[in-house]
Amino acid sequence: MLTTSVVVDSHLHVWDLASGGYGWLGPRHGRLHRSFLPDEAVAVLDEAGIGAAVLVQADDSDADTDFMLAAADRHPVLAGVVGWVRLDAPRDAEARLDALGDRVAFRGVRHLVHDDPRDDFLSLPSVRSSLRAVAERGLAFDVPDAWPRHLDAVAELARALPGLTVVVDHLAKPPRGTEEMGAWEASLRGAAAASPAVVAKLSGLQAPGQPFTAAALRPVLDVALDAFGADRLMYGGDWPMTVPGGGYLPHWQVVSGMVAELSPSEQGSIMSGTACRTYRLSENGSSGESRSDPSEA
């Protein structure tokens, strides 16, 4: 049984297809191809007993970020937002960051690098310049689905910008059940070793044709714990991406059951502490009043 009093879900999505965008999502995605609105997200979190959550962008657009920020304004449980800015255009990025500077829930930036055709995206001088501005504002930078194209680049980025907190979403999407697991592990360890400011999410570990059970996931968790330590790992539910596999609760039961086997301090880090430090949330997972000072916990 978990010993943590508050759980912070570091990775939750909402989207409204009626507003346009979300070009990656189509009928081929079956049950995911509909709108998932904030009220439904809040109900799902409440059913699982989750105390707070961080909304994460699902489209490279200002509209998606504005939609999440409006949701956070209405629902205190949605304590943080990881939005999007145009990183390859530094002037645009800084202007947008400045415009969002008074939005308390705005806690980080993400770009759908796995859908971007540029293999060198994280190395582009324009992107590095924008990410320097992200770091200066005390914001985190999430990198989704980094394996195989971008995980080594995460390590290079962390070394180049040591003031930037880099978040490896979904443990970089380990290729479970394939011969590439060894190469994934080596790259993940390289990213972890690059800087203490690199953290990772225990989230999004579903893999086509692979079981989602504690036994199947334990080797992945063991690698992550050894590479990062619990104080650099955080839980993420990745809803509604879990809907095809049964929804939030089945995913939560598997992951929380695995984490419950760890020490109380490790549980506390994974289930709330790391997310609160990374996204500058208060100890109870709320957004607090300010995120401007990176030295604040």
C-alpha atoms as a PDB file:
ATOM      1  CA  MET A   1       0.000   0.000   0.000  1.00  0.00           C
ATOM      2  CA  LEU A   2       1.213   3.479  -0.832  1.00  0.00           C
ATOM      3  CA  THR A   3       2.280   5.566   2.127  1.00  0.00           C
ATOM      4  CA  THR A   4       2.132   8.960   0.377  1.00  0.00           C
ATOM      5  CA  SER A   5      -0.649  11.300   1.449  1.00  0.00           C
ATOM      6  CA  VAL A   6      -0.754  13.314  -1.792  1.00  0.00           C
ATOM      7  CA  VAL A   7      -0.260  12.011  -5.330  1.00  0.00           C
ATOM      8  CA  VAL A   8       0.646  14.381  -8.160  1.00  0.00           C
ATOM      9  CA  ASP A   9       0.045  13.089 -11.671  1.00  0.00           C
ATOM     10  CA  SER A  10       2.769  14.782 -13.705  1.00  0.00           C
ATOM     11  CA  HIS A  11       1.348  13.925 -17.122  1.00  0.00           C
ATOM     12  CA  LEU A  12      -2.289  14.374 -18.126  1.00  0.00           C
ATOM     13  CA  HIS A  13      -3.856  15.528 -21.387  1.00  0.00           C
ATOM     14  CA  VAL A  14      -7.058  17.247 -22.420  1.00  0.00           C
ATOM     15  CA  TRP A  15      -8.096  18.228 -25.924  1.00  0.00           C
ATOM     16  CA  ASP A  16     -11.083  19.562 -27.808  1.00  0.00           C
ATOM     17  CA  LEU A  17     -11.264  18.362 -31.401  1.00  0.00           C
ATOM     18  CA  ALA A  18     -13.935  20.953 -32.150  1.00  0.00           C
ATOM     19  CA  SER A  19     -11.264  23.656 -31.891  1.00  0.00           C
ATOM     20  CA  GLY A  20      -9.091  22.117 -34.617  1.00  0.00           C
ATOM     21  CA  GLY A  21      -5.463  21.080 -34.487  1.00  0.00           C
ATOM     22  CA  TYR A  22      -4.252  17.697 -33.173  1.00  0.00           C
ATOM     23  CA  GLY A  23      -3.221  16.582 -36.638  1.00  0.00           C
ATOM     24  CA  TRP A  24      -1.598  13.433 -35.242  1.00  0.00           C
ATOM     25  CA  LEU A  25      -4.986  12.161 -34.049  1.00  0.00           C
ATOM     26  CA  GLY A  26      -7.430  10.478 -36.426  1.00  0.00           C
ATOM     27  CA  PRO A  27     -10.002   7.699 -36.809  1.00  0.00           C
ATOM     28  CA  ARG A  28      -7.209   5.132 -36.797  1.00  0.00           C
ATOM     29  CA  HIS A  29      -6.800   5.885 -33.081  1.00  0.00           C
ATOM     30  CA  GLY A  30     -10.211   4.426 -32.290  1.00  0.00           C
ATOM     31  CA  ARG A  31     -11.426   5.349 -28.800  1.00  0.00           C
ATOM     32  CA  LEU A  32      -8.932   8.198 -28.573  1.00  0.00           C
ATOM     33  CA  HIS A  33     -10.475   9.988 -31.526  1.00  0.00           C
ATOM     34  CA  ARG A  34     -12.835  12.237 -29.575  1.00  0.00           C
ATOM     35  CA  SER A  35     -12.605  15.235 -27.307  1.00  0.00           C
ATOM     36  CA  PHE A  36     -11.389  14.706 -23.751  1.00  0.00           C
ATOM     37  CA  LEU A  37     -12.453  17.786 -21.830  1.00  0.00           C
ATOM     38  CA  PRO A  38     -11.349  19.126 -18.440  1.00  0.00           C
ATOM     39  CA  ASP A  39     -14.491  18.097 -16.558  1.00  0.00           C
ATOM     40  CA  GLU A  40     -13.945  14.476 -17.559  1.00  0.00           C
ATOM     41  CA  ALA A  41     -10.267  14.671 -16.590  1.00  0.00           C
ATOM     42  CA  VAL A  42     -11.145  16.031 -13.148  1.00  0.00           C
ATOM     43  CA  ALA A  43     -13.688  13.236 -12.619  1.00  0.00           C
ATOM     44  CA  VAL A  44     -11.103  10.602 -13.570  1.00  0.00           C
ATOM     45  CA  LEU A  45      -8.561  12.042 -11.146  1.00  0.00           C
ATOM     46  CA  ASP A  46     -11.129  12.177  -8.353  1.00  0.00           C
ATOM     47  CA  GLU A  47     -12.123   8.548  -8.897  1.00  0.00           C
ATOM     48  CA  ALA A  48      -8.488   7.466  -8.526  1.00  0.00           C
ATOM     49  CA  GLY A  49      -7.860   9.705  -5.513  1.00  0.00           C
ATOM     50  CA  ILE A  50      -5.237  11.834  -7.260  1.00  0.00           C
ATOM     51  CA  GLY A  51      -4.591  15.126  -5.473  1.00  0.00           C
ATOM     52  CA  ALA A  52      -3.200  17.228  -8.322  1.00  0.00           C
ATOM     53  CA  ALA A  53      -2.155  16.935 -11.947  1.00  0.00           C
ATOM     54  CA  VAL A  54      -0.015  18.672 -14.547  1.00  0.00           C
ATOM     55  CA  LEU A  55      -1.598  19.160 -17.961  1.00  0.00           C
ATOM     56  CA  VAL A  56       0.786  18.532 -20.860  1.00  0.00           C
ATOM     57  CA  GLN A  57       0.412  19.822 -24.408  1.00  0.00           C
ATOM     58  CA  ALA A  58      -0.900  17.530 -27.112  1.00  0.00           C
ATOM     59  CA  ASP A  59      -0.573  19.938 -30.037  1.00  0.00           C
ATOM     60  CA  ASP A  60       2.134  22.346 -31.162  1.00  0.00           C
ATOM     61  CA  SER A  61      -0.139  25.379 -31.007  1.00  0.00           C
ATOM     62  CA  ASP A  62      -0.913  28.388 -28.858  1.00  0.00           C
ATOM     63  CA  ALA A  63      -4.569  27.371 -28.900  1.00  0.00           C
ATOM     64  CA  ASP A  64      -3.835  24.093 -27.110  1.00  0.00           C
ATOM     65  CA  THR A  65      -1.806  25.908 -24.452  1.00  0.00           C
ATOM     66  CA  ASP A  66      -4.540  28.499 -23.938  1.00  0.00           C
ATOM     67  CA  PHE A  67      -7.120  25.717 -23.620  1.00  0.00           C
ATOM     68  CA  MET A  68      -5.102  24.024 -20.870  1.00  0.00           C
ATOM     69  CA  LEU A  69      -4.479  27.283 -19.020  1.00  0.00           C
ATOM     70  CA  ALA A  70      -8.199  28.065 -19.061  1.00  0.00           C
ATOM     71  CA  ALA A  71      -8.858  24.581 -17.644  1.00  0.00           C
ATOM     72  CA  ALA A  72      -6.328  25.176 -14.871  1.00  0.00           C
ATOM     73  CA  ASP A  73      -8.025  28.478 -14.041  1.00  0.00           C
ATOM     74  CA  ARG A  74     -11.329  26.658 -13.521  1.00  0.00           C
ATOM     75  CA  HIS A  75     -10.073  23.530 -11.769  1.00  0.00           C
ATOM     76  CA  PRO A  76      -7.571  23.829  -8.877  1.00  0.00           C
ATOM     77  CA  VAL A  77      -6.691  20.120  -9.161  1.00  0.00           C
ATOM     78  CA  LEU A  78      -5.127  20.929 -12.551  1.00  0.00           C
ATOM     79  CA  ALA A  79      -2.212  22.618 -10.848  1.00  0.00           C
ATOM     80  CA  GLY A  80       0.267  23.060 -13.687  1.00  0.00           C
ATOM     81  CA  VAL A  81       0.493  23.368 -17.452  1.00  0.00           C
ATOM     82  CA  VAL A  82       3.303  22.330 -19.787  1.00  0.00           C
ATOM     83  CA  GLY A  83       2.525  24.270 -22.930  1.00  0.00           C
ATOM     84  CA  TRP A  84       4.091  25.020 -26.297  1.00  0.00           C
ATOM     85  CA  VAL A  85       6.106  27.898 -27.711  1.00  0.00           C
ATOM     86  CA  ARG A  86       7.786  28.105 -31.110  1.00  0.00           C
ATOM     87  CA  LEU A  87      11.274  27.093 -30.050  1.00  0.00           C
ATOM     88  CA  ASP A  88      12.853  27.412 -33.493  1.00  0.00           C
ATOM     89  CA  ALA A  89      11.983  31.126 -33.570  1.00  0.00           C
ATOM     90  CA  PRO A  90      13.674  32.676 -30.507  1.00  0.00           C
ATOM     91  CA  ARG A  91      12.031  36.105 -30.783  1.00  0.00           C
ATOM     92  CA  ASP A  92       8.599  34.522 -31.033  1.00  0.00           C
ATOM     93  CA  ALA A  93       9.422  32.163 -28.185  1.00  0.00           C
ATOM     94  CA  GLU A  94      10.542  34.934 -25.851  1.00  0.00           C
ATOM     95  CA  ALA A  95       7.517  37.076 -26.700  1.00  0.00           C
ATOM     96  CA  ARG A  96       5.185  34.175 -25.944  1.00  0.00           C
ATOM     97  CA  LEU A  97       7.036  33.310 -22.737  1.00  0.00           C
ATOM     98  CA  ASP A  98       6.722  36.930 -21.624  1.00  0.00           C
ATOM     99  CA  ALA A  99       3.012  36.941 -22.464  1.00  0.00           C
ATOM    100  CA  LEU A 100       2.511  33.820 -20.358  1.00  0.00           C
ATOM    101  CA  GLY A 101       4.665  35.093 -17.506  1.00  0.00           C
ATOM    102  CA  ASP A 102       1.718  36.078 -15.315  1.00  0.00           C
ATOM    103  CA  ARG A 103      -0.112  32.774 -15.739  1.00  0.00           C
ATOM    104  CA  VAL A 104       0.568  31.023 -12.441  1.00  0.00           C
ATOM    105  CA  ALA A 105      -0.193  27.543 -13.790  1.00  0.00           C
ATOM    106  CA  PHE A 106       2.329  27.803 -16.643  1.00  0.00           C
ATOM    107  CA  ARG A 107       5.192  25.564 -15.534  1.00  0.00           C
ATOM    108  CA  GLY A 108       6.950  24.173 -18.561  1.00  0.00           C
ATOM    109  CA  VAL A 109       7.337  23.865 -22.329  1.00  0.00           C
ATOM    110  CA  ARG A 110       7.127  20.922 -24.693  1.00  0.00           C
ATOM    111  CA  HIS A 111       7.417  20.379 -28.439  1.00  0.00           C
ATOM    112  CA  LEU A 112       6.271  17.209 -30.210  1.00  0.00           C
ATOM    113  CA  VAL A 113       9.800  16.299 -31.265  1.00  0.00           C
ATOM    114  CA  HIS A 114       8.785  12.779 -32.255  1.00  0.00           C
ATOM    115  CA  ASP A 115       6.479  14.251 -34.924  1.00  0.00           C
ATOM    116  CA  ASP A 116       8.991  16.863 -36.084  1.00  0.00           C
ATOM    117  CA  PRO A 117      10.903  15.732 -39.201  1.00  0.00           C
ATOM    118  CA  ARG A 118      14.138  17.357 -38.017  1.00  0.00           C
ATOM    119  CA  ASP A 119      16.372  14.788 -36.323  1.00  0.00           C
ATOM    120  CA  ASP A 120      18.615  17.591 -35.070  1.00  0.00           C
ATOM    121  CA  PHE A 121      15.813  19.703 -33.586  1.00  0.00           C
ATOM    122  CA  LEU A 122      17.277  19.794 -30.072  1.00  0.00           C
ATOM    123  CA  SER A 123      20.670  20.845 -31.451  1.00  0.00           C
ATOM    124  CA  LEU A 124      19.462  23.758 -33.585  1.00  0.00           C
ATOM    125  CA  PRO A 125      21.015  27.069 -32.438  1.00  0.00           C
ATOM    126  CA  SER A 126      17.586  28.726 -32.546  1.00  0.00           C
ATOM    127  CA  VAL A 127      16.097  26.035 -30.301  1.00  0.00           C
ATOM    128  CA  ARG A 128      19.022  26.233 -27.877  1.00  0.00           C
ATOM    129  CA  SER A 129      18.543  30.013 -27.674  1.00  0.00           C
ATOM    130  CA  SER A 130      14.841  29.611 -26.902  1.00  0.00           C
ATOM    131  CA  LEU A 131      15.524  26.921 -24.313  1.00  0.00           C
ATOM    132  CA  ARG A 132      18.005  29.221 -22.611  1.00  0.00           C
ATOM    133  CA  ALA A 133      15.106  31.659 -22.204  1.00  0.00           C
ATOM    134  CA  VAL A 134      12.951  28.820 -20.859  1.00  0.00           C
ATOM    135  CA  ALA A 135      15.594  28.033 -18.256  1.00  0.00           C
ATOM    136  CA  GLU A 136      15.996  31.683 -17.265  1.00  0.00           C
ATOM    137  CA  ARG A 137      12.292  31.784 -16.412  1.00  0.00           C
ATOM    138  CA  GLY A 138      12.500  28.740 -14.160  1.00  0.00           C
ATOM    139  CA  LEU A 139      10.454  26.569 -16.522  1.00  0.00           C
ATOM    140  CA  ALA A 140      11.022  22.900 -17.300  1.00  0.00           C
ATOM    141  CA  PHE A 141      11.374  21.414 -20.783  1.00  0.00           C
ATOM    142  CA  ASP A 142       9.587  18.115 -21.523  1.00  0.00           C
ATOM    143  CA  VAL A 143      10.820  15.839 -24.302  1.00  0.00           C
ATOM    144  CA  PRO A 144       8.261  13.250 -25.491  1.00  0.00           C
ATOM    145  CA  ASP A 145       8.955   9.835 -27.003  1.00  0.00           C
ATOM    146  CA  ALA A 146      12.686  10.534 -27.217  1.00  0.00           C
ATOM    147  CA  TRP A 147      13.756   7.020 -28.201  1.00  0.00           C
ATOM    148  CA  PRO A 148      15.314   6.443 -30.639  1.00  0.00           C
ATOM    149  CA  ARG A 149      15.826   9.782 -32.427  1.00  0.00           C
ATOM    150  CA  HIS A 150      16.284  12.243 -29.577  1.00  0.00           C
ATOM    151  CA  LEU A 151      17.422  10.482 -26.406  1.00  0.00           C
ATOM    152  CA  ASP A 152      21.150  10.939 -27.043  1.00  0.00           C
ATOM    153  CA  ALA A 153      20.389  14.559 -27.962  1.00  0.00           C
ATOM    154  CA  VAL A 154      18.785  15.012 -24.536  1.00  0.00           C
ATOM    155  CA  ALA A 155      22.144  14.267 -22.937  1.00  0.00           C
ATOM    156  CA  GLU A 156      23.888  16.736 -25.245  1.00  0.00           C
ATOM    157  CA  LEU A 157      21.250  19.385 -24.492  1.00  0.00           C
ATOM    158  CA  ALA A 158      21.596  18.919 -20.746  1.00  0.00           C
ATOM    159  CA  ARG A 159      25.367  19.349 -20.940  1.00  0.00           C
ATOM    160  CA  ALA A 160      25.038  22.441 -23.137  1.00  0.00           C
ATOM    161  CA  LEU A 161      22.404  24.118 -20.949  1.00  0.00           C
ATOM    162  CA  PRO A 162      23.081  22.995 -17.370  1.00  0.00           C
ATOM    163  CA  GLY A 163      20.538  25.491 -16.002  1.00  0.00           C
ATOM    164  CA  LEU A 164      17.671  23.824 -17.863  1.00  0.00           C
ATOM    165  CA  THR A 165      15.533  21.171 -16.208  1.00  0.00           C
ATOM    166  CA  VAL A 166      14.940  18.524 -18.888  1.00  0.00           C
ATOM    167  CA  VAL A 167      12.098  16.057 -18.415  1.00  0.00           C
ATOM    168  CA  VAL A 168      12.254  12.749 -20.283  1.00  0.00           C
ATOM    169  CA  ASP A 169       8.603  11.856 -20.777  1.00  0.00           C
ATOM    170  CA  HIS A 170       7.576   8.185 -20.624  1.00  0.00           C
ATOM    171  CA  LEU A 171      11.148   7.040 -19.893  1.00  0.00           C
ATOM    172  CA  ALA A 172      11.751   7.923 -23.561  1.00  0.00           C
ATOM    173  CA  LYS A 173       9.337   5.148 -24.659  1.00  0.00           C
ATOM    174  CA  PRO A 174      11.312   1.937 -24.038  1.00  0.00           C
ATOM    175  CA  PRO A 175      10.936  -0.496 -26.943  1.00  0.00           C
ATOM    176  CA  ARG A 176       9.551  -3.254 -24.725  1.00  0.00           C
ATOM    177  CA  GLY A 177       9.645  -6.733 -26.190  1.00  0.00           C
ATOM    178  CA  THR A 178      12.279  -5.921 -28.814  1.00  0.00           C
ATOM    179  CA  GLU A 179      16.006  -6.424 -29.213  1.00  0.00           C
ATOM    180  CA  GLU A 180      16.510  -2.652 -28.931  1.00  0.00           C
ATOM    181  CA  MET A 181      16.011  -2.614 -25.164  1.00  0.00           C
ATOM    182  CA  GLY A 182      19.769  -2.691 -24.549  1.00  0.00           C
ATOM    183  CA  ALA A 183      20.354   0.329 -26.754  1.00  0.00           C
ATOM    184  CA  TRP A 184      17.468   2.178 -25.077  1.00  0.00           C
ATOM    185  CA  GLU A 185      18.933   1.436 -21.650  1.00  0.00           C
ATOM    186  CA  ALA A 186      22.367   2.723 -22.644  1.00  0.00           C
ATOM    187  CA  SER A 187      20.908   5.965 -24.003  1.00  0.00           C
ATOM    188  CA  LEU A 188      18.661   6.426 -20.974  1.00  0.00           C
ATOM    189  CA  ARG A 189      21.614   5.998 -18.641  1.00  0.00           C
ATOM    190  CA  GLY A 190      23.563   8.511 -20.722  1.00  0.00           C
ATOM    191  CA  ALA A 191      20.767  11.053 -20.385  1.00  0.00           C
ATOM    192  CA  ALA A 192      20.540  10.445 -16.638  1.00  0.00           C
ATOM    193  CA  ALA A 193      24.288  10.880 -16.201  1.00  0.00           C
ATOM    194  CA  ALA A 194      24.460  14.056 -18.287  1.00  0.00           C
ATOM    195  CA  SER A 195      23.118  16.344 -15.577  1.00  0.00           C
ATOM    196  CA  PRO A 196      21.303  16.132 -12.226  1.00  0.00           C
ATOM    197  CA  ALA A 197      18.757  18.460 -13.831  1.00  0.00           C
ATOM    198  CA  VAL A 198      17.535  15.645 -16.108  1.00  0.00           C
ATOM    199  CA  VAL A 199      14.486  13.894 -14.637  1.00  0.00           C
ATOM    200  CA  ALA A 200      12.119  11.312 -16.078  1.00  0.00           C
ATOM    201  CA  LYS A 201       8.483  10.312 -15.967  1.00  0.00           C
ATOM    202  CA  LEU A 202       7.232   6.868 -15.070  1.00  0.00           C
ATOM    203  CA  SER A 203       4.420   7.218 -17.572  1.00  0.00           C
ATOM    204  CA  GLY A 204       3.260   6.207 -21.017  1.00  0.00           C
ATOM    205  CA  LEU A 205       4.805   2.740 -20.881  1.00  0.00           C
ATOM    206  CA  GLN A 206       2.107   1.071 -22.949  1.00  0.00           C
ATOM    207  CA  ALA A 207       3.580  -0.806 -25.915  1.00  0.00           C
ATOM    208  CA  PRO A 208       1.688  -2.467 -28.793  1.00  0.00           C
ATOM    209  CA  GLY A 209       1.375  -6.196 -28.267  1.00  0.00           C
ATOM    210  CA  GLN A 210       3.065  -6.096 -24.863  1.00  0.00           C
ATOM    211  CA  PRO A 211       1.360  -6.816 -21.516  1.00  0.00           C
ATOM    212  CA  PHE A 212       0.877  -3.941 -19.094  1.00  0.00           C
ATOM    213  CA  THR A 213       1.553  -5.764 -15.850  1.00  0.00           C
ATOM    214  CA  ALA A 214       3.903  -5.303 -12.925  1.00  0.00           C
ATOM    215  CA  ALA A 215       5.943  -8.312 -14.026  1.00  0.00           C
ATOM    216  CA  ALA A 216       6.316  -6.944 -17.554  1.00  0.00           C
ATOM    217  CA  LEU A 217       7.201  -3.426 -16.408  1.00  0.00           C
ATOM    218  CA  ARG A 218       9.501  -4.237 -13.502  1.00  0.00           C
ATOM    219  CA  PRO A 219      12.682  -4.540 -15.641  1.00  0.00           C
ATOM    220  CA  VAL A 220      11.986  -1.059 -17.029  1.00  0.00           C
ATOM    221  CA  LEU A 221      11.384   0.387 -13.565  1.00  0.00           C
ATOM    222  CA  ASP A 222      14.551  -1.268 -12.249  1.00  0.00           C
ATOM    223  CA  VAL A 223      16.631   0.390 -14.994  1.00  0.00           C
ATOM    224  CA  ALA A 224      15.002   3.763 -14.333  1.00  0.00           C
ATOM    225  CA  LEU A 225      15.566   3.540 -10.584  1.00  0.00           C
ATOM    226  CA  ASP A 226      19.188   2.570 -11.031  1.00  0.00           C
ATOM    227  CA  ALA A 227      19.837   5.286 -13.613  1.00  0.00           C
ATOM    228  CA  PHE A 228      17.962   8.197 -12.048  1.00  0.00           C
ATOM    229  CA  GLY A 229      17.141   7.264  -8.477  1.00  0.00           C
ATOM    230  CA  ALA A 230      13.643   7.818  -7.113  1.00  0.00           C
ATOM    231  CA  ASP A 231      14.329  11.500  -6.464  1.00  0.00           C
ATOM    232  CA  ARG A 232      14.564  12.111 -10.223  1.00  0.00           C
ATOM    233  CA  LEU A 233      11.514  10.045 -11.230  1.00  0.00           C
ATOM    234  CA  MET A 234       7.855  11.060 -11.206  1.00  0.00           C
ATOM    235  CA  TYR A 235       4.540   9.327 -11.775  1.00  0.00           C
ATOM    236  CA  GLY A 236       2.428  10.241 -14.798  1.00  0.00           C
ATOM    237  CA  GLY A 237      -0.927   8.733 -15.697  1.00  0.00           C
ATOM    238  CA  ASP A 238      -0.790   9.710 -19.414  1.00  0.00           C
ATOM    239  CA  TRP A 239      -4.590   9.799 -19.590  1.00  0.00           C
ATOM    240  CA  PRO A 240      -6.415   9.639 -21.984  1.00  0.00           C
ATOM    241  CA  MET A 241      -3.738   7.708 -23.862  1.00  0.00           C
ATOM    242  CA  THR A 242      -4.520   4.857 -21.465  1.00  0.00           C
ATOM    243  CA  VAL A 243      -8.180   4.700 -22.526  1.00  0.00           C
ATOM    244  CA  PRO A 244      -7.657   1.966 -25.165  1.00  0.00           C
ATOM    245  CA  GLY A 245      -6.088  -0.188 -22.437  1.00  0.00           C
ATOM    246  CA  GLY A 246      -8.963   0.217 -20.003  1.00  0.00           C
ATOM    247  CA  GLY A 247      -8.580   3.783 -18.764  1.00  0.00           C
ATOM    248  CA  TYR A 248      -7.016   5.535 -15.833  1.00  0.00           C
ATOM    249  CA  LEU A 249      -7.712   3.113 -12.997  1.00  0.00           C
ATOM    250  CA  PRO A 250      -6.156  -0.074 -14.478  1.00  0.00           C
ATOM    251  CA  HIS A 251      -3.011   1.876 -15.374  1.00  0.00           C
ATOM    252  CA  TRP A 252      -2.903   3.496 -11.934  1.00  0.00           C
ATOM    253  CA  GLN A 253      -3.320   0.179 -10.150  1.00  0.00           C
ATOM    254  CA  VAL A 254      -0.366  -1.400 -11.945  1.00  0.00           C
ATOM    255  CA  VAL A 255       2.013   1.537 -11.510  1.00  0.00           C
ATOM    256  CA  SER A 256       1.017   2.401  -7.946  1.00  0.00           C
ATOM    257  CA  GLY A 257       1.318  -1.261  -6.973  1.00  0.00           C
ATOM    258  CA  MET A 258       4.900  -1.329  -8.214  1.00  0.00           C
ATOM    259  CA  VAL A 259       5.799   1.932  -6.475  1.00  0.00           C
ATOM    260  CA  ALA A 260       4.201   0.689  -3.244  1.00  0.00           C
ATOM    261  CA  GLU A 261       6.951  -1.945  -3.034  1.00  0.00           C
ATOM    262  CA  LEU A 262       9.558   0.817  -2.582  1.00  0.00           C
ATOM    263  CA  SER A 263      10.556   2.634   0.598  1.00  0.00           C
ATOM    264  CA  PRO A 264       8.351   5.457   1.918  1.00  0.00           C
ATOM    265  CA  SER A 265      10.902   8.077   0.857  1.00  0.00           C
ATOM    266  CA  GLU A 266      11.119   6.625  -2.651  1.00  0.00           C
ATOM    267  CA  GLN A 267       7.342   6.544  -2.893  1.00  0.00           C
ATOM    268  CA  GLY A 268       7.159  10.161  -1.808  1.00  0.00           C
ATOM    269  CA  SER A 269       9.603  11.260  -4.488  1.00  0.00           C
ATOM    270  CA  ILE A 270       7.962   9.375  -7.344  1.00  0.00           C
ATOM    271  CA  MET A 271       4.383  10.144  -6.368  1.00  0.00           C
ATOM    272  CA  SER A 272       4.761  13.844  -5.585  1.00  0.00           C
ATOM    273  CA  GLY A 273       8.177  15.171  -4.593  1.00  0.00           C
ATOM    274  CA  THR A 274       9.916  15.117  -7.968  1.00  0.00           C
ATOM    275  CA  ALA A 275       6.924  16.612  -9.785  1.00  0.00           C
ATOM    276  CA  CYS A 276       6.588  19.373  -7.199  1.00  0.00           C
ATOM    277  CA  ARG A 277      10.264  20.295  -7.499  1.00  0.00           C
ATOM    278  CA  THR A 278      10.323  20.075 -11.286  1.00  0.00           C
ATOM    279  CA  TYR A 279       7.191  22.130 -11.882  1.00  0.00           C
ATOM    280  CA  ARG A 280       7.557  24.429  -8.852  1.00  0.00           C
ATOM    281  CA  LEU A 281       4.391  23.216  -7.149  1.00  0.00           C
ATOM    282  CA  SER A 282       3.761  23.448  -3.438  1.00  0.00           C
ATOM    283  CA  GLU A 283       4.074  20.344  -1.273  1.00  0.00           C
ATOM    284  CA  ASN A 284       0.364  19.577  -1.619  1.00  0.00           C
ATOM    285  CA  GLY A 285       0.619  19.762  -5.415  1.00  0.00           C
ATOM    286  CA  SER A 286      -1.056  23.155  -5.829  1.00  0.00           C
ATOM    287  CA  SER A 287       0.373  25.751  -8.174  1.00  0.00           C
ATOM    288  CA  GLY A 288       1.179  28.227  -5.427  1.00  0.00           C
ATOM    289  CA  GLU A 289       1.658  31.911  -6.156  1.00  0.00           C
ATOM    290  CA  SER A 290       4.919  32.164  -8.078  1.00  0.00           C
ATOM    291  CA  ARG A 291       7.310  30.138 -10.196  1.00  0.00           C
ATOM    292  CA  SER A 292       9.721  32.942 -11.049  1.00  0.00           C
ATOM    293  CA  ASP A 293      12.544  31.942  -8.691  1.00  0.00           C
ATOM    294  CA  PRO A 294      14.184  28.662  -9.771  1.00  0.00           C
ATOM    295  CA  SER A 295      15.676  28.267  -6.283  1.00  0.00           C
ATOM    296  CA  GLU A 296      12.261  27.776  -4.737  1.00  0.00           C
ATOM    297  CA  ALA A 297      11.293  24.179  -4.057  1.00  0.00           C
END
